[in-house]
Amino acid sequence: MSHDLTSMIDEINLASTNLSKSSKTAESDPLSQIVRVLNAHLGQLQQIDVGAEQLRQKVESAQKEVRGFGGRGVSDEGVEGFMRSLRR
């Protein structure tokens, strides 16, 4: 058991050494550049997702408001309220 643990530690140390050597050339590594670009894109997509969810909630709220007017006919207040909710 201790031999397995020792060999695992040696492998981890070797991998760590290799990573620190390769990190010096990471700036010029095309794969690293691609990963950085993809990570930036992922961050932007996550922000878009959050914004889309907020917009969905506002639309849902506006729809509930409009349904609340019921048989009283169409009113401009529903549209005005919806526009105010978008400006918040």
N, C-alpha and C. Protein backbone atom coordinates (compact mmCIF):
# COMPACT_ATOMS: atom_id res chain seq x y z
N MET A 1 0.82 -1.19 0.00
CA MET A 1 0.00 0.00 0.00
C MET A 1 0.87 1.25 0.00
N SER A 2 1.90 1.30 0.84
CA SER A 2 2.77 2.48 0.91
C SER A 2 3.55 2.64 -0.39
N HIS A 3 3.86 1.51 -1.06
CA HIS A 3 4.56 1.59 -2.34
C HIS A 3 3.67 2.25 -3.38
N ASP A 4 2.38 1.88 -3.39
CA ASP A 4 1.44 2.49 -4.33
C ASP A 4 1.30 3.99 -4.07
N LEU A 5 1.22 4.35 -2.80
CA LEU A 5 1.10 5.76 -2.44
C LEU A 5 2.35 6.53 -2.85
N THR A 6 3.51 5.94 -2.63
CA THR A 6 4.77 6.58 -3.01
C THR A 6 4.85 6.77 -4.52
N SER A 7 4.45 5.75 -5.27
CA SER A 7 4.51 5.87 -6.73
C SER A 7 3.50 6.90 -7.23
N MET A 8 2.35 6.98 -6.57
CA MET A 8 1.36 8.00 -6.97
C MET A 8 1.90 9.40 -6.70
N ILE A 9 2.54 9.59 -5.57
CA ILE A 9 3.12 10.90 -5.24
C ILE A 9 4.20 11.26 -6.25
N ASP A 10 5.03 10.27 -6.60
CA ASP A 10 6.07 10.52 -7.61
C ASP A 10 5.46 10.92 -8.95
N GLU A 11 4.39 10.25 -9.34
CA GLU A 11 3.73 10.58 -10.61
C GLU A 11 3.13 11.99 -10.57
N ILE A 12 2.52 12.33 -9.45
CA ILE A 12 1.94 13.67 -9.31
C ILE A 12 3.03 14.73 -9.35
N ASN A 13 4.13 14.47 -8.67
CA ASN A 13 5.24 15.43 -8.69
C ASN A 13 5.80 15.59 -10.10
N LEU A 14 5.92 14.49 -10.83
CA LEU A 14 6.42 14.54 -12.20
C LEU A 14 5.46 15.33 -13.09
N ALA A 15 4.17 15.07 -12.94
CA ALA A 15 3.18 15.81 -13.73
C ALA A 15 3.21 17.29 -13.39
N SER A 16 3.35 17.60 -12.12
CA SER A 16 3.42 19.00 -11.70
C SER A 16 4.64 19.70 -12.28
N THR A 17 5.76 19.00 -12.29
CA THR A 17 6.99 19.57 -12.86
C THR A 17 6.81 19.81 -14.35
N ASN A 18 6.22 18.85 -15.04
CA ASN A 18 5.98 19.01 -16.48
C ASN A 18 5.04 20.18 -16.76
N LEU A 19 4.02 20.34 -15.92
CA LEU A 19 3.08 21.44 -16.12
C LEU A 19 3.75 22.78 -15.90
N SER A 20 4.59 22.89 -14.86
CA SER A 20 5.24 24.17 -14.63
C SER A 20 6.24 24.50 -15.72
N LYS A 21 6.86 23.49 -16.30
CA LYS A 21 7.77 23.74 -17.43
C LYS A 21 6.99 24.20 -18.64
N SER A 22 5.84 23.57 -18.88
CA SER A 22 5.06 23.90 -20.07
C SER A 22 4.30 25.21 -19.90
N SER A 23 4.07 25.64 -18.66
CA SER A 23 3.32 26.89 -18.46
C SER A 23 4.13 28.10 -18.92
N LYS A 24 5.44 27.95 -18.99
CA LYS A 24 6.27 29.06 -19.47
C LYS A 24 6.04 29.31 -20.95
N THR A 25 5.68 28.27 -21.68
CA THR A 25 5.44 28.41 -23.11
C THR A 25 3.95 28.47 -23.44
N ALA A 26 3.12 28.55 -22.39
CA ALA A 26 1.67 28.54 -22.61
C ALA A 26 1.20 29.75 -23.41
N GLU A 27 1.90 30.86 -23.29
CA GLU A 27 1.51 32.07 -24.03
C GLU A 27 1.56 31.84 -25.53
N SER A 28 2.52 31.07 -25.98
CA SER A 28 2.66 30.86 -27.42
C SER A 28 1.99 29.57 -27.89
N ASP A 29 1.45 28.81 -26.96
CA ASP A 29 0.80 27.54 -27.30
C ASP A 29 -0.57 27.82 -27.92
N PRO A 30 -0.79 27.39 -29.16
CA PRO A 30 -2.09 27.65 -29.81
C PRO A 30 -3.27 27.05 -29.05
N LEU A 31 -3.07 25.89 -28.47
CA LEU A 31 -4.15 25.26 -27.72
C LEU A 31 -4.53 26.10 -26.50
N SER A 32 -3.55 26.64 -25.82
CA SER A 32 -3.83 27.50 -24.66
C SER A 32 -4.58 28.75 -25.09
N GLN A 33 -4.21 29.29 -26.23
CA GLN A 33 -4.90 30.48 -26.73
C GLN A 33 -6.36 30.15 -27.05
N ILE A 34 -6.58 29.00 -27.66
CA ILE A 34 -7.95 28.58 -27.99
C ILE A 34 -8.76 28.40 -26.71
N VAL A 35 -8.16 27.79 -25.70
CA VAL A 35 -8.86 27.58 -24.43
C VAL A 35 -9.22 28.91 -23.79
N ARG A 36 -8.32 29.89 -23.83
CA ARG A 36 -8.62 31.21 -23.27
C ARG A 36 -9.78 31.87 -24.01
N VAL A 37 -9.79 31.76 -25.34
CA VAL A 37 -10.88 32.35 -26.12
C VAL A 37 -12.20 31.66 -25.80
N LEU A 38 -12.17 30.33 -25.73
CA LEU A 38 -13.40 29.59 -25.42
C LEU A 38 -13.91 29.91 -24.02
N ASN A 39 -13.00 30.07 -23.07
CA ASN A 39 -13.41 30.44 -21.71
C ASN A 39 -14.06 31.82 -21.69
N ALA A 40 -13.50 32.75 -22.46
CA ALA A 40 -14.10 34.08 -22.55
C ALA A 40 -15.49 34.00 -23.17
N HIS A 41 -15.63 33.19 -24.20
CA HIS A 41 -16.94 33.03 -24.84
C HIS A 41 -17.94 32.40 -23.88
N LEU A 42 -17.49 31.42 -23.12
CA LEU A 42 -18.36 30.77 -22.14
C LEU A 42 -18.86 31.79 -21.12
N GLY A 43 -17.97 32.65 -20.66
CA GLY A 43 -18.38 33.69 -19.71
C GLY A 43 -19.44 34.60 -20.29
N GLN A 44 -19.27 34.99 -21.54
CA GLN A 44 -20.26 35.85 -22.20
C GLN A 44 -21.59 35.12 -22.37
N LEU A 45 -21.54 33.85 -22.75
CA LEU A 45 -22.77 33.07 -22.91
C LEU A 45 -23.51 32.93 -21.58
N GLN A 46 -22.77 32.80 -20.50
CA GLN A 46 -23.41 32.69 -19.19
C GLN A 46 -24.10 34.01 -18.83
N GLN A 47 -23.47 35.14 -19.17
CA GLN A 47 -24.11 36.43 -18.92
C GLN A 47 -25.37 36.59 -19.76
N ILE A 48 -25.31 36.15 -21.00
CA ILE A 48 -26.49 36.21 -21.87
C ILE A 48 -27.61 35.35 -21.29
N ASP A 49 -27.25 34.18 -20.78
CA ASP A 49 -28.24 33.29 -20.18
C ASP A 49 -28.92 33.94 -18.98
N VAL A 50 -28.15 34.61 -18.14
CA VAL A 50 -28.71 35.30 -16.99
C VAL A 50 -29.66 36.40 -17.45
N GLY A 51 -29.23 37.18 -18.45
CA GLY A 51 -30.08 38.24 -18.99
C GLY A 51 -31.36 37.71 -19.60
N ALA A 52 -31.26 36.59 -20.30
CA ALA A 52 -32.44 35.99 -20.91
C ALA A 52 -33.42 35.52 -19.84
N GLU A 53 -32.91 34.97 -18.76
CA GLU A 53 -33.78 34.52 -17.67
C GLU A 53 -34.47 35.72 -17.02
N GLN A 54 -33.75 36.81 -16.83
CA GLN A 54 -34.37 38.01 -16.25
C GLN A 54 -35.47 38.54 -17.17
N LEU A 55 -35.20 38.55 -18.46
CA LEU A 55 -36.20 39.02 -19.42
C LEU A 55 -37.42 38.10 -19.43
N ARG A 56 -37.19 36.79 -19.35
CA ARG A 56 -38.30 35.84 -19.30
C ARG A 56 -39.19 36.11 -18.10
N GLN A 57 -38.57 36.38 -16.96
CA GLN A 57 -39.34 36.66 -15.75
C GLN A 57 -40.16 37.94 -15.89
N LYS A 58 -39.58 38.95 -16.51
CA LYS A 58 -40.31 40.21 -16.72
C LYS A 58 -41.49 40.01 -17.67
N VAL A 59 -41.28 39.25 -18.72
CA VAL A 59 -42.37 38.98 -19.67
C VAL A 59 -43.47 38.20 -18.97
N GLU A 60 -43.08 37.21 -18.18
CA GLU A 60 -44.07 36.41 -17.45
C GLU A 60 -44.87 37.30 -16.50
N SER A 61 -44.19 38.19 -15.82
CA SER A 61 -44.86 39.12 -14.91
C SER A 61 -45.83 40.02 -15.66
N ALA A 62 -45.40 40.51 -16.80
CA ALA A 62 -46.27 41.38 -17.62
C ALA A 62 -47.48 40.61 -18.11
N GLN A 63 -47.29 39.36 -18.49
CA GLN A 63 -48.42 38.56 -18.95
C GLN A 63 -49.43 38.35 -17.82
N LYS A 64 -48.94 38.13 -16.62
CA LYS A 64 -49.84 37.97 -15.47
C LYS A 64 -50.60 39.26 -15.21
N GLU A 65 -49.91 40.39 -15.35
CA GLU A 65 -50.56 41.68 -15.17
C GLU A 65 -51.68 41.88 -16.17
N VAL A 66 -51.41 41.55 -17.42
CA VAL A 66 -52.40 41.72 -18.48
C VAL A 66 -53.59 40.80 -18.23
N ARG A 67 -53.34 39.58 -17.79
CA ARG A 67 -54.43 38.65 -17.48
C ARG A 67 -55.29 39.19 -16.34
N GLY A 68 -54.67 39.97 -15.45
CA GLY A 68 -55.39 40.54 -14.32
C GLY A 68 -56.42 41.56 -14.74
N PHE A 69 -56.29 42.12 -15.92
CA PHE A 69 -57.26 43.09 -16.40
C PHE A 69 -58.55 42.40 -16.79
N GLY A 70 -58.48 41.12 -17.09
CA GLY A 70 -59.65 40.30 -17.37
C GLY A 70 -60.57 40.87 -18.42
N GLY A 71 -61.85 40.96 -18.09
CA GLY A 71 -62.85 41.39 -19.04
C GLY A 71 -62.99 42.90 -19.14
N ARG A 72 -62.12 43.64 -18.47
CA ARG A 72 -62.24 45.09 -18.50
C ARG A 72 -61.75 45.70 -19.79
N GLY A 73 -61.34 44.86 -20.71
CA GLY A 73 -60.85 45.39 -21.99
C GLY A 73 -59.36 45.65 -21.94
N VAL A 74 -58.85 46.03 -23.06
CA VAL A 74 -57.42 46.29 -23.18
C VAL A 74 -57.13 47.68 -22.64
N SER A 75 -56.11 47.78 -21.85
CA SER A 75 -55.74 49.06 -21.26
C SER A 75 -54.29 49.36 -21.57
N ASP A 76 -53.99 50.63 -21.70
CA ASP A 76 -52.60 51.03 -21.93
C ASP A 76 -51.76 50.86 -20.68
N GLU A 77 -52.40 50.73 -19.51
CA GLU A 77 -51.65 50.58 -18.27
C GLU A 77 -50.79 49.32 -18.29
N GLY A 78 -51.27 48.26 -18.89
CA GLY A 78 -50.49 47.03 -18.97
C GLY A 78 -49.21 47.22 -19.75
N VAL A 79 -49.32 47.90 -20.86
CA VAL A 79 -48.14 48.17 -21.68
C VAL A 79 -47.20 49.10 -20.94
N GLU A 80 -47.76 50.13 -20.30
CA GLU A 80 -46.93 51.08 -19.55
C GLU A 80 -46.19 50.37 -18.41
N GLY A 81 -46.91 49.51 -17.70
CA GLY A 81 -46.28 48.77 -16.61
C GLY A 81 -45.18 47.85 -17.10
N PHE A 82 -45.42 47.24 -18.23
CA PHE A 82 -44.39 46.37 -18.81
C PHE A 82 -43.15 47.18 -19.18
N MET A 83 -43.35 48.33 -19.78
CA MET A 83 -42.21 49.16 -20.16
C MET A 83 -41.46 49.65 -18.93
N ARG A 84 -42.20 49.98 -17.86
CA ARG A 84 -41.54 50.40 -16.62
C ARG A 84 -40.71 49.25 -16.05
N SER A 85 -41.22 48.03 -16.13
CA SER A 85 -40.48 46.89 -15.59
C SER A 85 -39.19 46.64 -16.36
N LEU A 86 -39.19 46.97 -17.63
CA LEU A 86 -37.97 46.79 -18.42
C LEU A 86 -36.91 47.82 -18.05
N ARG A 87 -37.35 48.98 -17.62
CA ARG A 87 -36.41 50.06 -17.29
C ARG A 87 -35.79 49.88 -15.92
N ARG A 88 -36.31 48.99 -15.10
CA ARG A 88 -35.78 48.80 -13.74
C ARG A 88 -34.43 48.21 -13.74
